[in-house]
């Protein structure tokens, strides 16, 4: 169980590090113009918004794409209604100051990934402590 839990912990930790790195890199904002909104079907009852946008940094134009992770919609109609509301609002793009081509319309802190990592680490510690208790009890029973 320790080995399996360690592998799972490694997987969650890698995900948390990758998402955290993306979050940290997006350090500057600029106005953006959405060129195209789309609704992407991720599964039969899971729809997400996808946007193609353009933005200008230091006189240079960039084009980017974002698949929004939240909110997710239960049907295509709900997603289309949200697009209509978003079209009326000003959009800001997040980008990396040192490398402006790296951008996203959504900057999301990796709460889920960090929670998974911490909880799995707790399970690993639990299994480690239980292993020590069980081996101690076995040694005590052998000595009787």
Protein backbone atom coordinates (compact mmCIF):
# COMPACT_ATOMS: atom_id res chain seq x y z
CA UNK A 1 0.00 0.00 0.00
CA UNK A 2 2.89 2.34 0.72
CA UNK A 3 4.27 1.94 -2.80
CA UNK A 4 0.90 2.51 -4.47
CA UNK A 5 0.19 5.55 -2.30
CA UNK A 6 3.65 6.95 -3.05
CA UNK A 7 3.06 6.62 -6.81
CA UNK A 8 -0.34 8.32 -6.52
CA UNK A 9 1.21 11.07 -4.37
CA UNK A 10 3.89 11.60 -7.02
CA UNK A 11 1.26 11.92 -9.73
CA UNK A 12 -0.75 14.47 -7.74
CA UNK A 13 2.39 16.40 -6.78
CA UNK A 14 3.47 16.65 -10.42
CA UNK A 15 0.02 17.92 -11.40
CA UNK A 16 0.08 20.48 -8.57
CA UNK A 17 3.55 21.69 -9.56
CA UNK A 18 2.60 22.03 -13.24
CA UNK A 19 -0.62 23.92 -12.50
CA UNK A 20 1.10 26.04 -9.85
CA UNK A 21 3.86 26.92 -12.33
CA UNK A 22 1.26 28.00 -14.91
CA UNK A 23 -0.51 30.08 -12.26
CA UNK A 24 2.72 31.77 -11.14
CA UNK A 25 3.85 32.53 -14.71
CA UNK A 26 0.70 34.50 -15.51
CA UNK A 27 1.79 37.68 -13.77
CA UNK A 28 0.52 40.61 -15.88
CA UNK A 29 -2.81 41.67 -17.38
CA UNK A 30 -3.77 43.50 -20.55
CA UNK A 31 -7.03 44.21 -22.38
CA UNK A 32 -8.01 41.54 -24.87
CA UNK A 33 -10.44 41.24 -27.73
CA UNK A 34 -12.19 37.90 -28.12
CA UNK A 35 -12.22 36.96 -31.78
CA UNK A 36 -14.34 33.83 -31.45
CA UNK A 37 -16.34 32.11 -28.72
CA UNK A 38 -17.15 28.41 -28.96
CA UNK A 39 -18.86 25.79 -26.82
CA UNK A 40 -16.87 22.57 -26.47
CA UNK A 41 -18.58 19.34 -25.46
CA UNK A 42 -16.28 17.53 -23.01
CA UNK A 43 -18.80 14.76 -22.25
CA UNK A 44 -22.54 14.24 -22.65
CA UNK A 45 -23.39 16.59 -19.77
CA UNK A 46 -20.21 18.63 -19.48
CA UNK A 47 -19.72 21.68 -21.69
CA UNK A 48 -17.02 24.35 -21.48
CA UNK A 49 -16.30 27.66 -23.18
CA UNK A 50 -13.41 28.04 -25.60
CA UNK A 51 -12.18 31.45 -26.73
CA UNK A 52 -9.74 32.67 -29.34
CA UNK A 53 -8.49 36.16 -28.51
CA UNK A 54 -5.96 38.79 -29.44
CA UNK A 55 -4.03 41.23 -27.28
CA UNK A 56 -1.24 43.74 -27.70
CA UNK A 57 1.88 44.00 -25.53
CA UNK A 58 4.49 46.69 -26.24
CA UNK A 59 3.09 47.24 -29.72
CA UNK A 60 3.28 43.55 -30.64
CA UNK A 61 0.06 41.62 -31.32
CA UNK A 62 -0.48 38.11 -29.94
CA UNK A 63 -3.21 35.55 -30.55
CA UNK A 64 -4.17 33.09 -27.83
CA UNK A 65 -6.71 30.40 -27.01
CA UNK A 66 -8.25 29.38 -23.70
CA UNK A 67 -10.46 26.45 -22.74
CA UNK A 68 -12.20 27.61 -19.57
CA UNK A 69 -12.05 25.03 -16.78
CA UNK A 70 -14.80 26.77 -14.81
CA UNK A 71 -17.68 27.16 -14.92
CA UNK A 72 -18.78 23.95 -16.58
CA UNK A 73 -22.26 23.71 -18.06
CA UNK A 74 -24.74 20.85 -18.12
CA UNK A 75 -25.99 21.67 -21.61
CA UNK A 76 -25.08 23.61 -24.75
CA UNK A 77 -27.89 26.14 -24.23
CA UNK A 78 -26.57 27.28 -20.82
CA UNK A 79 -23.09 27.75 -22.26
CA UNK A 80 -24.47 29.78 -25.19
CA UNK A 81 -26.32 32.06 -22.76
CA UNK A 82 -23.11 32.67 -20.81
CA UNK A 83 -21.31 33.58 -24.02
CA UNK A 84 -23.93 36.27 -24.70
CA UNK A 85 -23.31 37.74 -21.23
CA UNK A 86 -19.52 37.60 -21.60
CA UNK A 87 -19.60 39.34 -24.99
CA UNK A 88 -20.95 42.47 -23.31
CA UNK A 89 -18.06 42.63 -20.80
CA UNK A 90 -14.48 43.81 -21.21
CA UNK A 91 -12.04 40.92 -21.20
CA UNK A 92 -8.59 40.95 -19.60
CA UNK A 93 -5.87 38.51 -20.61
CA UNK A 94 -3.23 37.19 -18.21
CA UNK A 95 0.22 36.79 -19.71
CA UNK A 96 3.81 36.25 -18.67
CA UNK A 97 5.69 39.55 -18.60
CA UNK A 98 8.99 38.02 -19.80
CA UNK A 99 7.31 35.90 -22.49
CA UNK A 100 4.03 37.60 -23.56
CA UNK A 101 3.07 34.79 -25.95
CA UNK A 102 2.22 32.64 -22.88
CA UNK A 103 -1.29 33.77 -21.96
CA UNK A 104 -4.74 32.77 -20.76
CA UNK A 105 -8.09 34.41 -20.16
CA UNK A 106 -8.48 32.47 -16.93
CA UNK A 107 -5.97 32.43 -14.08
CA UNK A 108 -7.04 29.72 -11.66
CA UNK A 109 -5.22 28.82 -8.44
CA UNK A 110 -4.66 25.01 -8.35
CA UNK A 111 -6.76 24.32 -5.22
CA UNK A 112 -7.93 20.89 -6.34
CA UNK A 113 -4.45 19.69 -7.24
CA UNK A 114 -2.95 20.94 -3.97
CA UNK A 115 -5.81 19.42 -1.95
CA UNK A 116 -5.30 16.05 -3.67
CA UNK A 117 -1.57 16.21 -2.93
CA UNK A 118 -2.01 17.09 0.75
CA UNK A 119 -4.72 14.48 1.33
CA UNK A 120 -2.70 11.75 -0.38
CA UNK A 121 0.34 12.74 1.68
CA UNK A 122 -1.83 12.32 4.79
CA UNK A 123 -2.88 8.84 3.65
CA UNK A 124 0.78 7.96 3.02
CA UNK A 125 1.72 9.02 6.56
CA UNK A 126 -1.22 7.03 7.94
CA UNK A 127 -0.12 3.86 6.11
CA UNK A 128 3.47 4.40 7.25
CA UNK A 129 2.42 4.74 10.90
CA UNK A 130 0.10 1.73 10.68
CA UNK A 131 2.93 -0.32 9.18
CA UNK A 132 5.10 0.55 12.19
CA UNK A 133 2.36 -0.36 14.66
CA UNK A 134 1.59 -3.66 12.96
CA UNK A 135 5.25 -4.68 12.75
CA UNK A 136 5.73 -3.81 16.45
CA UNK A 137 2.71 -5.91 17.43
CA UNK A 138 4.01 -8.83 15.36
CA UNK A 139 7.40 -8.63 17.09
CA UNK A 140 5.71 -8.60 20.51
CA UNK A 141 3.61 -11.66 19.62
CA UNK A 142 6.70 -13.56 18.38
CA UNK A 143 8.53 -12.91 21.63
CA UNK A 144 5.70 -14.37 23.73
